[in-house]
Amino acid sequence: MTAILHGRAAAEEAAETARKTFEEGALAANLPSIDVPTAELEGGIGVLALFVRAGLAESNGKVRQFLKDGAVRLNDAVVGDDRQVIGTGDITADGVIKLSLGKKKHILVRPA
């Protein structure tokens, strides 16, 4: 479908991103990302607010439901607490925070 809508090159790039993300557990450079000021991360951002801000859910209530379903991940670890705070301690060695919703939606949070 990607090839039809966006061309063969885009389809191959999407396939490579998926392979790196799912088979190797790597962070593909072309995953979607958002910039969050480092000062905000130093203060900590609630998991509900960050998932909404990242566009992975429409509301805090939706994130809570996804949490109950076990679909919310932070750096590939399941999040179970809707009061969890995400901050600079969650930045990986790659310099990002990976948010995932289910198996197919991923976004990188980049400190700015």
PDB file of N, CA and C in Angstrom:
ATOM      1  N   MET A   1       0.827  -1.180   0.000  1.00  0.00           N
ATOM      2  CA  MET A   1       0.000   0.000   0.000  1.00  0.00           C
ATOM      3  C   MET A   1       0.883   1.260   0.000  1.00  0.00           C
ATOM      4  N   THR A   2       1.964   1.230   0.780  1.00  0.00           N
ATOM      5  CA  THR A   2       2.859   2.384   0.828  1.00  0.00           C
ATOM      6  C   THR A   2       3.437   2.669  -0.550  1.00  0.00           C
ATOM      7  N   ALA A   3       3.790   1.617  -1.271  1.00  0.00           N
ATOM      8  CA  ALA A   3       4.357   1.795  -2.612  1.00  0.00           C
ATOM      9  C   ALA A   3       3.357   2.463  -3.544  1.00  0.00           C
ATOM     10  N   ILE A   4       2.104   2.095  -3.443  1.00  0.00           N
ATOM     11  CA  ILE A   4       1.074   2.680  -4.305  1.00  0.00           C
ATOM     12  C   ILE A   4       0.875   4.156  -3.975  1.00  0.00           C
ATOM     13  N   LEU A   5       0.813   4.468  -2.679  1.00  0.00           N
ATOM     14  CA  LEU A   5       0.546   5.841  -2.267  1.00  0.00           C
ATOM     15  C   LEU A   5       1.760   6.761  -2.322  1.00  0.00           C
ATOM     16  N   HIS A   6       2.936   6.227  -1.981  1.00  0.00           N
ATOM     17  CA  HIS A   6       4.105   7.089  -1.815  1.00  0.00           C
ATOM     18  C   HIS A   6       5.291   6.714  -2.694  1.00  0.00           C
ATOM     19  N   GLY A   7       5.200   5.611  -3.414  1.00  0.00           N
ATOM     20  CA  GLY A   7       6.294   5.197  -4.293  1.00  0.00           C
ATOM     21  C   GLY A   7       7.124   4.075  -3.696  1.00  0.00           C
ATOM     22  N   ARG A   8       7.858   3.410  -4.543  1.00  0.00           N
ATOM     23  CA  ARG A   8       8.660   2.250  -4.150  1.00  0.00           C
ATOM     24  C   ARG A   8       9.739   2.623  -3.124  1.00  0.00           C
ATOM     25  N   ALA A   9      10.410   3.756  -3.301  1.00  0.00           N
ATOM     26  CA  ALA A   9      11.482   4.150  -2.377  1.00  0.00           C
ATOM     27  C   ALA A   9      10.939   4.343  -0.961  1.00  0.00           C
ATOM     28  N   ALA A  10       9.786   4.978  -0.839  1.00  0.00           N
ATOM     29  CA  ALA A  10       9.182   5.187   0.478  1.00  0.00           C
ATOM     30  C   ALA A  10       8.784   3.855   1.109  1.00  0.00           C
ATOM     31  N   ALA A  11       8.300   2.933   0.295  1.00  0.00           N
ATOM     32  CA  ALA A  11       7.911   1.620   0.800  1.00  0.00           C
ATOM     33  C   ALA A  11       9.125   0.851   1.313  1.00  0.00           C
ATOM     34  N   GLU A  12      10.222   0.938   0.594  1.00  0.00           N
ATOM     35  CA  GLU A  12      11.442   0.250   1.029  1.00  0.00           C
ATOM     36  C   GLU A  12      11.997   0.873   2.308  1.00  0.00           C
ATOM     37  N   GLU A  13      11.925   2.190   2.413  1.00  0.00           N
ATOM     38  CA  GLU A  13      12.381   2.875   3.622  1.00  0.00           C
ATOM     39  C   GLU A  13      11.520   2.481   4.819  1.00  0.00           C
ATOM     40  N   ALA A  14      10.214   2.409   4.622  1.00  0.00           N
ATOM     41  CA  ALA A  14       9.305   2.012   5.699  1.00  0.00           C
ATOM     42  C   ALA A  14       9.578   0.569   6.130  1.00  0.00           C
ATOM     43  N   ALA A  15       9.843  -0.293   5.167  1.00  0.00           N
ATOM     44  CA  ALA A  15      10.139  -1.692   5.486  1.00  0.00           C
ATOM     45  C   ALA A  15      11.433  -1.809   6.285  1.00  0.00           C
ATOM     46  N   GLU A  16      12.439  -1.035   5.920  1.00  0.00           N
ATOM     47  CA  GLU A  16      13.715  -1.061   6.642  1.00  0.00           C
ATOM     48  C   GLU A  16      13.552  -0.514   8.056  1.00  0.00           C
ATOM     49  N   THR A  17      12.772   0.542   8.206  1.00  0.00           N
ATOM     50  CA  THR A  17      12.503   1.100   9.539  1.00  0.00           C
ATOM     51  C   THR A  17      11.821   0.046  10.403  1.00  0.00           C
ATOM     52  N   ALA A  18      10.825  -0.622   9.857  1.00  0.00           N
ATOM     53  CA  ALA A  18      10.107  -1.657  10.602  1.00  0.00           C
ATOM     54  C   ALA A  18      11.043  -2.796  10.982  1.00  0.00           C
ATOM     55  N   ARG A  19      11.892  -3.208  10.067  1.00  0.00           N
ATOM     56  CA  ARG A  19      12.818  -4.299  10.340  1.00  0.00           C
ATOM     57  C   ARG A  19      13.759  -3.927  11.492  1.00  0.00           C
ATOM     58  N   LYS A  20      14.349  -2.742  11.416  1.00  0.00           N
ATOM     59  CA  LYS A  20      15.274  -2.310  12.469  1.00  0.00           C
ATOM     60  C   LYS A  20      14.569  -2.192  13.814  1.00  0.00           C
ATOM     61  N   THR A  21      13.377  -1.652  13.800  1.00  0.00           N
ATOM     62  CA  THR A  21      12.639  -1.425  15.039  1.00  0.00           C
ATOM     63  C   THR A  21      12.197  -2.736  15.676  1.00  0.00           C
ATOM     64  N   PHE A  22      11.665  -3.648  14.888  1.00  0.00           N
ATOM     65  CA  PHE A  22      11.071  -4.848  15.448  1.00  0.00           C
ATOM     66  C   PHE A  22      12.023  -6.025  15.537  1.00  0.00           C
ATOM     67  N   GLU A  23      12.864  -6.234  14.555  1.00  0.00           N
ATOM     68  CA  GLU A  23      13.760  -7.381  14.578  1.00  0.00           C
ATOM     69  C   GLU A  23      15.012  -7.114  15.387  1.00  0.00           C
ATOM     70  N   GLU A  24      15.580  -5.948  15.250  1.00  0.00           N
ATOM     71  CA  GLU A  24      16.832  -5.638  15.929  1.00  0.00           C
ATOM     72  C   GLU A  24      16.616  -4.895  17.239  1.00  0.00           C
ATOM     73  N   GLY A  25      15.421  -4.355  17.450  1.00  0.00           N
ATOM     74  CA  GLY A  25      15.157  -3.562  18.635  1.00  0.00           C
ATOM     75  C   GLY A  25      15.879  -2.226  18.608  1.00  0.00           C
ATOM     76  N   ALA A  26      16.328  -1.832  17.433  1.00  0.00           N
ATOM     77  CA  ALA A  26      17.083  -0.588  17.282  1.00  0.00           C
ATOM     78  C   ALA A  26      16.132   0.591  17.122  1.00  0.00           C
ATOM     79  N   LEU A  27      16.688   1.760  17.307  1.00  0.00           N
ATOM     80  CA  LEU A  27      15.932   2.976  17.063  1.00  0.00           C
ATOM     81  C   LEU A  27      16.244   3.447  15.658  1.00  0.00           C
ATOM     82  N   ALA A  28      15.295   3.370  14.784  1.00  0.00           N
ATOM     83  CA  ALA A  28      15.499   3.839  13.421  1.00  0.00           C
ATOM     84  C   ALA A  28      15.474   5.362  13.424  1.00  0.00           C
ATOM     85  N   ALA A  29      16.414   5.939  12.724  1.00  0.00           N
ATOM     86  CA  ALA A  29      16.552   7.400  12.699  1.00  0.00           C
ATOM     87  C   ALA A  29      15.336   8.086  12.099  1.00  0.00           C
ATOM     88  N   ASN A  30      14.585   7.382  11.257  1.00  0.00           N
ATOM     89  CA  ASN A  30      13.457   8.037  10.606  1.00  0.00           C
ATOM     90  C   ASN A  30      12.116   7.741  11.273  1.00  0.00           C
ATOM     91  N   LEU A  31      12.144   7.278  12.534  1.00  0.00           N
ATOM     92  CA  LEU A  31      10.891   7.199  13.283  1.00  0.00           C
ATOM     93  C   LEU A  31      10.418   8.628  13.532  1.00  0.00           C
ATOM     94  N   PRO A  32       9.123   8.839  13.614  1.00  0.00           N
ATOM     95  CA  PRO A  32       8.629  10.190  13.914  1.00  0.00           C
ATOM     96  C   PRO A  32       9.184  10.651  15.258  1.00  0.00           C
ATOM     97  N   SER A  33       9.356  11.953  15.405  1.00  0.00           N
ATOM     98  CA  SER A  33       9.889  12.457  16.670  1.00  0.00           C
ATOM     99  C   SER A  33       9.281  13.816  16.996  1.00  0.00           C
ATOM    100  N   ILE A  34       9.351  14.150  18.279  1.00  0.00           N
ATOM    101  CA  ILE A  34       8.967  15.485  18.739  1.00  0.00           C
ATOM    102  C   ILE A  34      10.112  16.003  19.600  1.00  0.00           C
ATOM    103  N   ASP A  35      10.269  17.296  19.617  1.00  0.00           N
ATOM    104  CA  ASP A  35      11.261  17.932  20.474  1.00  0.00           C
ATOM    105  C   ASP A  35      10.564  18.431  21.734  1.00  0.00           C
ATOM    106  N   VAL A  36      11.178  18.166  22.871  1.00  0.00           N
ATOM    107  CA  VAL A  36      10.669  18.644  24.152  1.00  0.00           C
ATOM    108  C   VAL A  36      11.827  19.360  24.842  1.00  0.00           C
ATOM    109  N   PRO A  37      11.596  20.575  25.308  1.00  0.00           N
ATOM    110  CA  PRO A  37      12.673  21.291  25.986  1.00  0.00           C
ATOM    111  C   PRO A  37      13.262  20.475  27.142  1.00  0.00           C
ATOM    112  N   THR A  38      14.577  20.459  27.213  1.00  0.00           N
ATOM    113  CA  THR A  38      15.266  19.716  28.270  1.00  0.00           C
ATOM    114  C   THR A  38      14.798  20.166  29.648  1.00  0.00           C
ATOM    115  N   ALA A  39      14.534  21.456  29.807  1.00  0.00           N
ATOM    116  CA  ALA A  39      14.071  21.976  31.097  1.00  0.00           C
ATOM    117  C   ALA A  39      12.759  21.308  31.524  1.00  0.00           C
ATOM    118  N   GLU A  40      11.878  21.060  30.566  1.00  0.00           N
ATOM    119  CA  GLU A  40      10.614  20.371  30.887  1.00  0.00           C
ATOM    120  C   GLU A  40      10.874  18.946  31.329  1.00  0.00           C
ATOM    121  N   LEU A  41      11.799  18.273  30.628  1.00  0.00           N
ATOM    122  CA  LEU A  41      12.121  16.901  31.000  1.00  0.00           C
ATOM    123  C   LEU A  41      12.798  16.844  32.367  1.00  0.00           C
ATOM    124  N   GLU A  42      13.594  17.850  32.682  1.00  0.00           N
ATOM    125  CA  GLU A  42      14.235  17.889  33.992  1.00  0.00           C
ATOM    126  C   GLU A  42      13.198  17.965  35.103  1.00  0.00           C
ATOM    127  N   GLY A  43      12.108  18.684  34.845  1.00  0.00           N
ATOM    128  CA  GLY A  43      11.021  18.787  35.817  1.00  0.00           C
ATOM    129  C   GLY A  43      10.111  17.572  35.823  1.00  0.00           C
ATOM    130  N   GLY A  44      10.144  16.807  34.739  1.00  0.00           N
ATOM    131  CA  GLY A  44       9.305  15.620  34.607  1.00  0.00           C
ATOM    132  C   GLY A  44       7.962  15.937  33.979  1.00  0.00           C
ATOM    133  N   ILE A  45       7.530  15.048  33.107  1.00  0.00           N
ATOM    134  CA  ILE A  45       6.242  15.180  32.424  1.00  0.00           C
ATOM    135  C   ILE A  45       5.471  13.888  32.673  1.00  0.00           C
ATOM    136  N   GLY A  46       4.224  14.012  33.062  1.00  0.00           N
ATOM    137  CA  GLY A  46       3.394  12.829  33.293  1.00  0.00           C
ATOM    138  C   GLY A  46       3.227  12.007  32.024  1.00  0.00           C
ATOM    139  N   VAL A  47       3.170  10.707  32.194  1.00  0.00           N
ATOM    140  CA  VAL A  47       3.054   9.804  31.049  1.00  0.00           C
ATOM    141  C   VAL A  47       1.801  10.115  30.227  1.00  0.00           C
ATOM    142  N   LEU A  48       0.702  10.432  30.892  1.00  0.00           N
ATOM    143  CA  LEU A  48      -0.535  10.734  30.164  1.00  0.00           C
ATOM    144  C   LEU A  48      -0.337  11.952  29.271  1.00  0.00           C
ATOM    145  N   ALA A  49       0.206  13.020  29.857  1.00  0.00           N
ATOM    146  CA  ALA A  49       0.394  14.263  29.116  1.00  0.00           C
ATOM    147  C   ALA A  49       1.366  14.083  27.955  1.00  0.00           C
ATOM    148  N   LEU A  50       2.430  13.315  28.158  1.00  0.00           N
ATOM    149  CA  LEU A  50       3.426  13.159  27.100  1.00  0.00           C
ATOM    150  C   LEU A  50       2.887  12.336  25.937  1.00  0.00           C
ATOM    151  N   PHE A  51       2.108  11.308  26.206  1.00  0.00           N
ATOM    152  CA  PHE A  51       1.536  10.510  25.119  1.00  0.00           C
ATOM    153  C   PHE A  51       0.529  11.326  24.305  1.00  0.00           C
ATOM    154  N   VAL A  52      -0.240  12.173  24.988  1.00  0.00           N
ATOM    155  CA  VAL A  52      -1.170  13.056  24.271  1.00  0.00           C
ATOM    156  C   VAL A  52      -0.378  14.074  23.455  1.00  0.00           C
ATOM    157  N   ARG A  53       0.617  14.686  24.073  1.00  0.00           N
ATOM    158  CA  ARG A  53       1.453  15.691  23.390  1.00  0.00           C
ATOM    159  C   ARG A  53       2.146  15.103  22.167  1.00  0.00           C
ATOM    160  N   ALA A  54       2.550  13.839  22.258  1.00  0.00           N
ATOM    161  CA  ALA A  54       3.224  13.172  21.147  1.00  0.00           C
ATOM    162  C   ALA A  54       2.253  12.770  20.036  1.00  0.00           C
ATOM    163  N   GLY A  55       0.961  12.900  20.291  1.00  0.00           N
ATOM    164  CA  GLY A  55      -0.023  12.557  19.279  1.00  0.00           C
ATOM    165  C   GLY A  55      -0.362  11.075  19.226  1.00  0.00           C
ATOM    166  N   LEU A  56       0.024  10.330  20.251  1.00  0.00           N
ATOM    167  CA  LEU A  56      -0.268   8.899  20.269  1.00  0.00           C
ATOM    168  C   LEU A  56      -1.660   8.600  20.803  1.00  0.00           C
ATOM    169  N   ALA A  57      -2.284   9.578  21.453  1.00  0.00           N
ATOM    170  CA  ALA A  57      -3.648   9.428  21.953  1.00  0.00           C
ATOM    171  C   ALA A  57      -4.311  10.797  21.971  1.00  0.00           C
ATOM    172  N   GLU A  58      -5.638  10.800  21.935  1.00  0.00           N
ATOM    173  CA  GLU A  58      -6.391  12.061  21.877  1.00  0.00           C
ATOM    174  C   GLU A  58      -6.612  12.682  23.246  1.00  0.00           C
ATOM    175  N   SER A  59      -6.557  11.852  24.305  1.00  0.00           N
ATOM    176  CA  SER A  59      -6.873  12.374  25.634  1.00  0.00           C
ATOM    177  C   SER A  59      -6.200  11.536  26.710  1.00  0.00           C
ATOM    178  N   ASN A  60      -6.152  12.087  27.919  1.00  0.00           N
ATOM    179  CA  ASN A  60      -5.610  11.347  29.049  1.00  0.00           C
ATOM    180  C   ASN A  60      -6.400  10.067  29.290  1.00  0.00           C
ATOM    181  N   GLY A  61      -7.724  10.155  29.117  1.00  0.00           N
ATOM    182  CA  GLY A  61      -8.573   8.987  29.316  1.00  0.00           C
ATOM    183  C   GLY A  61      -8.228   7.854  28.362  1.00  0.00           C
ATOM    184  N   LYS A  62      -7.914   8.203  27.127  1.00  0.00           N
ATOM    185  CA  LYS A  62      -7.520   7.181  26.143  1.00  0.00           C
ATOM    186  C   LYS A  62      -6.209   6.523  26.563  1.00  0.00           C
ATOM    187  N   VAL A  63      -5.258   7.341  27.033  1.00  0.00           N
ATOM    188  CA  VAL A  63      -3.979   6.779  27.477  1.00  0.00           C
ATOM    189  C   VAL A  63      -4.216   5.834  28.654  1.00  0.00           C
ATOM    190  N   ARG A  64      -5.093   6.229  29.588  1.00  0.00           N
ATOM    191  CA  ARG A  64      -5.405   5.352  30.726  1.00  0.00           C
ATOM    192  C   ARG A  64      -5.948   4.007  30.251  1.00  0.00           C
ATOM    193  N   GLN A  65      -6.822   4.030  29.250  1.00  0.00           N
ATOM    194  CA  GLN A  65      -7.375   2.781  28.721  1.00  0.00           C
ATOM    195  C   GLN A  65      -6.271   1.938  28.089  1.00  0.00           C
ATOM    196  N   PHE A  66      -5.393   2.582  27.315  1.00  0.00           N
ATOM    197  CA  PHE A  66      -4.275   1.861  26.707  1.00  0.00           C
ATOM    198  C   PHE A  66      -3.356   1.276  27.786  1.00  0.00           C
ATOM    199  N   LEU A  67      -3.166   2.013  28.890  1.00  0.00           N
ATOM    200  CA  LEU A  67      -2.366   1.498  30.009  1.00  0.00           C
ATOM    201  C   LEU A  67      -2.984   0.222  30.566  1.00  0.00           C
ATOM    202  N   LYS A  68      -4.298   0.237  30.774  1.00  0.00           N
ATOM    203  CA  LYS A  68      -4.993  -0.943  31.292  1.00  0.00           C
ATOM    204  C   LYS A  68      -4.843  -2.133  30.353  1.00  0.00           C
ATOM    205  N   ASP A  69      -4.779  -1.838  29.058  1.00  0.00           N
ATOM    206  CA  ASP A  69      -4.649  -2.898  28.054  1.00  0.00           C
ATOM    207  C   ASP A  69      -3.209  -3.366  27.875  1.00  0.00           C
ATOM    208  N   GLY A  70      -2.269  -2.717  28.569  1.00  0.00           N
ATOM    209  CA  GLY A  70      -0.857  -3.090  28.447  1.00  0.00           C
ATOM    210  C   GLY A  70      -0.210  -2.640  27.153  1.00  0.00           C
ATOM    211  N   ALA A  71      -0.775  -1.609  26.537  1.00  0.00           N
ATOM    212  CA  ALA A  71      -0.305  -1.173  25.215  1.00  0.00           C
ATOM    213  C   ALA A  71       0.671  -0.005  25.264  1.00  0.00           C
ATOM    214  N   VAL A  72       0.937   0.535  26.452  1.00  0.00           N
ATOM    215  CA  VAL A  72       1.804   1.708  26.572  1.00  0.00           C
ATOM    216  C   VAL A  72       3.207   1.255  26.974  1.00  0.00           C
ATOM    217  N   ARG A  73       4.198   1.703  26.207  1.00  0.00           N
ATOM    218  CA  ARG A  73       5.587   1.341  26.495  1.00  0.00           C
ATOM    219  C   ARG A  73       6.461   2.594  26.503  1.00  0.00           C
ATOM    220  N   LEU A  74       7.428   2.558  27.379  1.00  0.00           N
ATOM    221  CA  LEU A  74       8.436   3.602  27.481  1.00  0.00           C
ATOM    222  C   LEU A  74       9.780   2.905  27.318  1.00  0.00           C
ATOM    223  N   ASN A  75      10.497   3.261  26.258  1.00  0.00           N
ATOM    224  CA  ASN A  75      11.772   2.606  25.961  1.00  0.00           C
ATOM    225  C   ASN A  75      11.624   1.080  25.959  1.00  0.00           C
ATOM    226  N   ASP A  76      10.546   0.609  25.350  1.00  0.00           N
ATOM    227  CA  ASP A  76      10.229  -0.812  25.171  1.00  0.00           C
ATOM    228  C   ASP A  76       9.815  -1.536  26.451  1.00  0.00           C
ATOM    229  N   ALA A  77       9.647  -0.838  27.555  1.00  0.00           N
ATOM    230  CA  ALA A  77       9.170  -1.442  28.798  1.00  0.00           C
ATOM    231  C   ALA A  77       7.716  -1.031  29.016  1.00  0.00           C
ATOM    232  N   VAL A  78       6.881  -1.987  29.394  1.00  0.00           N
ATOM    233  CA  VAL A  78       5.457  -1.713  29.614  1.00  0.00           C
ATOM    234  C   VAL A  78       5.301  -0.748  30.786  1.00  0.00           C
ATOM    235  N   VAL A  79       4.426   0.239  30.599  1.00  0.00           N
ATOM    236  CA  VAL A  79       4.097   1.200  31.648  1.00  0.00           C
ATOM    237  C   VAL A  79       2.748   0.787  32.232  1.00  0.00           C
ATOM    238  N   GLY A  80       2.674   0.691  33.548  1.00  0.00           N
ATOM    239  CA  GLY A  80       1.429   0.281  34.175  1.00  0.00           C
ATOM    240  C   GLY A  80       0.824   1.327  35.094  1.00  0.00           C
ATOM    241  N   ASP A  81       1.560   2.388  35.362  1.00  0.00           N
ATOM    242  CA  ASP A  81       1.113   3.399  36.316  1.00  0.00           C
ATOM    243  C   ASP A  81       0.785   4.698  35.591  1.00  0.00           C
ATOM    244  N   ASP A  82      -0.460   5.145  35.701  1.00  0.00           N
ATOM    245  CA  ASP A  82      -0.851   6.376  35.005  1.00  0.00           C
ATOM    246  C   ASP A  82      -0.285   7.621  35.676  1.00  0.00           C
ATOM    247  N   ARG A  83       0.379   7.461  36.820  1.00  0.00           N
ATOM    248  CA  ARG A  83       1.015   8.594  37.496  1.00  0.00           C
ATOM    249  C   ARG A  83       2.522   8.646  37.252  1.00  0.00           C
ATOM    250  N   GLN A  84       3.015   7.751  36.390  1.00  0.00           N
ATOM    251  CA  GLN A  84       4.455   7.725  36.121  1.00  0.00           C
ATOM    252  C   GLN A  84       4.905   9.044  35.497  1.00  0.00           C
ATOM    253  N   VAL A  85       6.059   9.512  35.908  1.00  0.00           N
ATOM    254  CA  VAL A  85       6.635  10.748  35.397  1.00  0.00           C
ATOM    255  C   VAL A  85       7.833  10.383  34.527  1.00  0.00           C
ATOM    256  N   ILE A  86       7.896  10.996  33.362  1.00  0.00           N
ATOM    257  CA  ILE A  86       8.979  10.752  32.422  1.00  0.00           C
ATOM    258  C   ILE A  86       9.908  11.955  32.450  1.00  0.00           C
ATOM    259  N   GLY A  87      11.185  11.691  32.583  1.00  0.00           N
ATOM    260  CA  GLY A  87      12.136  12.786  32.683  1.00  0.00           C
ATOM    261  C   GLY A  87      13.479  12.450  32.073  1.00  0.00           C
ATOM    262  N   THR A  88      14.471  13.237  32.421  1.00  0.00           N
ATOM    263  CA  THR A  88      15.807  13.070  31.830  1.00  0.00           C
ATOM    264  C   THR A  88      16.416  11.713  32.160  1.00  0.00           C
ATOM    265  N   GLY A  89      16.006  11.097  33.243  1.00  0.00           N
ATOM    266  CA  GLY A  89      16.502   9.767  33.585  1.00  0.00           C
ATOM    267  C   GLY A  89      16.046   8.688  32.624  1.00  0.00           C
ATOM    268  N   ASP A  90      15.053   9.002  31.794  1.00  0.00           N
ATOM    269  CA  ASP A  90      14.541   8.037  30.820  1.00  0.00           C
ATOM    270  C   ASP A  90      15.200   8.170  29.455  1.00  0.00           C
ATOM    271  N   ILE A  91      16.091   9.125  29.307  1.00  0.00           N
ATOM    272  CA  ILE A  91      16.783   9.313  28.027  1.00  0.00           C
ATOM    273  C   ILE A  91      17.748   8.152  27.833  1.00  0.00           C
ATOM    274  N   THR A  92      17.670   7.511  26.680  1.00  0.00           N
ATOM    275  CA  THR A  92      18.512   6.352  26.384  1.00  0.00           C
ATOM    276  C   THR A  92      19.921   6.784  25.979  1.00  0.00           C
ATOM    277  N   ALA A  93      20.775   5.812  25.795  1.00  0.00           N
ATOM    278  CA  ALA A  93      22.141   6.084  25.330  1.00  0.00           C
ATOM    279  C   ALA A  93      22.129   6.734  23.953  1.00  0.00           C
ATOM    280  N   ASP A  94      21.041   6.549  23.204  1.00  0.00           N
ATOM    281  CA  ASP A  94      20.892   7.170  21.883  1.00  0.00           C
ATOM    282  C   ASP A  94      20.454   8.624  21.980  1.00  0.00           C
ATOM    283  N   GLY A  95      20.196   9.105  23.204  1.00  0.00           N
ATOM    284  CA  GLY A  95      19.820  10.498  23.410  1.00  0.00           C
ATOM    285  C   GLY A  95      18.357  10.800  23.175  1.00  0.00           C
ATOM    286  N   VAL A  96      17.502   9.781  23.223  1.00  0.00           N
ATOM    287  CA  VAL A  96      16.066   9.967  22.997  1.00  0.00           C
ATOM    288  C   VAL A  96      15.274   9.161  24.016  1.00  0.00           C
ATOM    289  N   ILE A  97      13.980   9.415  24.043  1.00  0.00           N
ATOM    290  CA  ILE A  97      13.032   8.608  24.807  1.00  0.00           C
ATOM    291  C   ILE A  97      12.071   8.025  23.778  1.00  0.00           C
ATOM    292  N   LYS A  98      11.910   6.721  23.785  1.00  0.00           N
ATOM    293  CA  LYS A  98      11.022   6.071  22.818  1.00  0.00           C
ATOM    294  C   LYS A  98       9.676   5.784  23.474  1.00  0.00           C
ATOM    295  N   LEU A  99       8.626   6.339  22.883  1.00  0.00           N
ATOM    296  CA  LEU A  99       7.259   6.073  23.321  1.00  0.00           C
ATOM    297  C   LEU A  99       6.620   5.136  22.307  1.00  0.00           C
ATOM    298  N   SER A 100       5.925   4.128  22.784  1.00  0.00           N
ATOM    299  CA  SER A 100       5.253   3.189  21.883  1.00  0.00           C
ATOM    300  C   SER A 100       3.833   2.954  22.361  1.00  0.00           C
ATOM    301  N   LEU A 101       2.939   2.847  21.407  1.00  0.00           N
ATOM    302  CA  LEU A 101       1.553   2.509  21.681  1.00  0.00           C
ATOM    303  C   LEU A 101       1.226   1.296  20.833  1.00  0.00           C
ATOM    304  N   GLY A 102       0.999   0.179  21.474  1.00  0.00           N
ATOM    305  CA  GLY A 102       0.785  -1.050  20.740  1.00  0.00           C
ATOM    306  C   GLY A 102       2.069  -1.463  20.035  1.00  0.00           C
ATOM    307  N   LYS A 103       1.914  -2.232  18.969  1.00  0.00           N
ATOM    308  CA  LYS A 103       3.077  -2.746  18.253  1.00  0.00           C
ATOM    309  C   LYS A 103       3.508  -1.877  17.090  1.00  0.00           C
ATOM    310  N   LYS A 104       2.665  -0.957  16.663  1.00  0.00           N
ATOM    311  CA  LYS A 104       2.960  -0.247  15.422  1.00  0.00           C
ATOM    312  C   LYS A 104       3.159   1.250  15.546  1.00  0.00           C
ATOM    313  N   LYS A 105       2.801   1.843  16.659  1.00  0.00           N
ATOM    314  CA  LYS A 105       2.934   3.296  16.796  1.00  0.00           C
ATOM    315  C   LYS A 105       4.105   3.622  17.720  1.00  0.00           C
ATOM    316  N   HIS A 106       5.077   4.322  17.169  1.00  0.00           N
ATOM    317  CA  HIS A 106       6.268   4.693  17.919  1.00  0.00           C
ATOM    318  C   HIS A 106       6.617   6.146  17.618  1.00  0.00           C
ATOM    319  N   ILE A 107       7.139   6.808  18.616  1.00  0.00           N
ATOM    320  CA  ILE A 107       7.615   8.182  18.414  1.00  0.00           C
ATOM    321  C   ILE A 107       8.791   8.401  19.367  1.00  0.00           C
ATOM    322  N   LEU A 108       9.753   9.149  18.896  1.00  0.00           N
ATOM    323  CA  LEU A 108      10.913   9.469  19.710  1.00  0.00           C
ATOM    324  C   LEU A 108      10.760  10.866  20.278  1.00  0.00           C
ATOM    325  N   VAL A 109      11.065  11.012  21.546  1.00  0.00           N
ATOM    326  CA  VAL A 109      11.088  12.319  22.204  1.00  0.00           C
ATOM    327  C   VAL A 109      12.550  12.736  22.256  1.00  0.00           C
ATOM    328  N   ARG A 110      12.840  13.872  21.636  1.00  0.00           N
ATOM    329  CA  ARG A 110      14.215  14.378  21.582  1.00  0.00           C
ATOM    330  C   ARG A 110      14.333  15.607  22.476  1.00  0.00           C
ATOM    331  N   PRO A 111      15.235  15.562  23.460  1.00  0.00           N
ATOM    332  CA  PRO A 111      15.461  16.756  24.279  1.00  0.00           C
ATOM    333  C   PRO A 111      15.969  17.898  23.408  1.00  0.00           C
ATOM    334  N   ALA A 112      15.421  19.072  23.598  1.00  0.00           N
ATOM    335  CA  ALA A 112      15.816  20.221  22.767  1.00  0.00           C
ATOM    336  C   ALA A 112      16.400  21.329  23.625  1.00  0.00           C
TER     337      ALA A 112
END
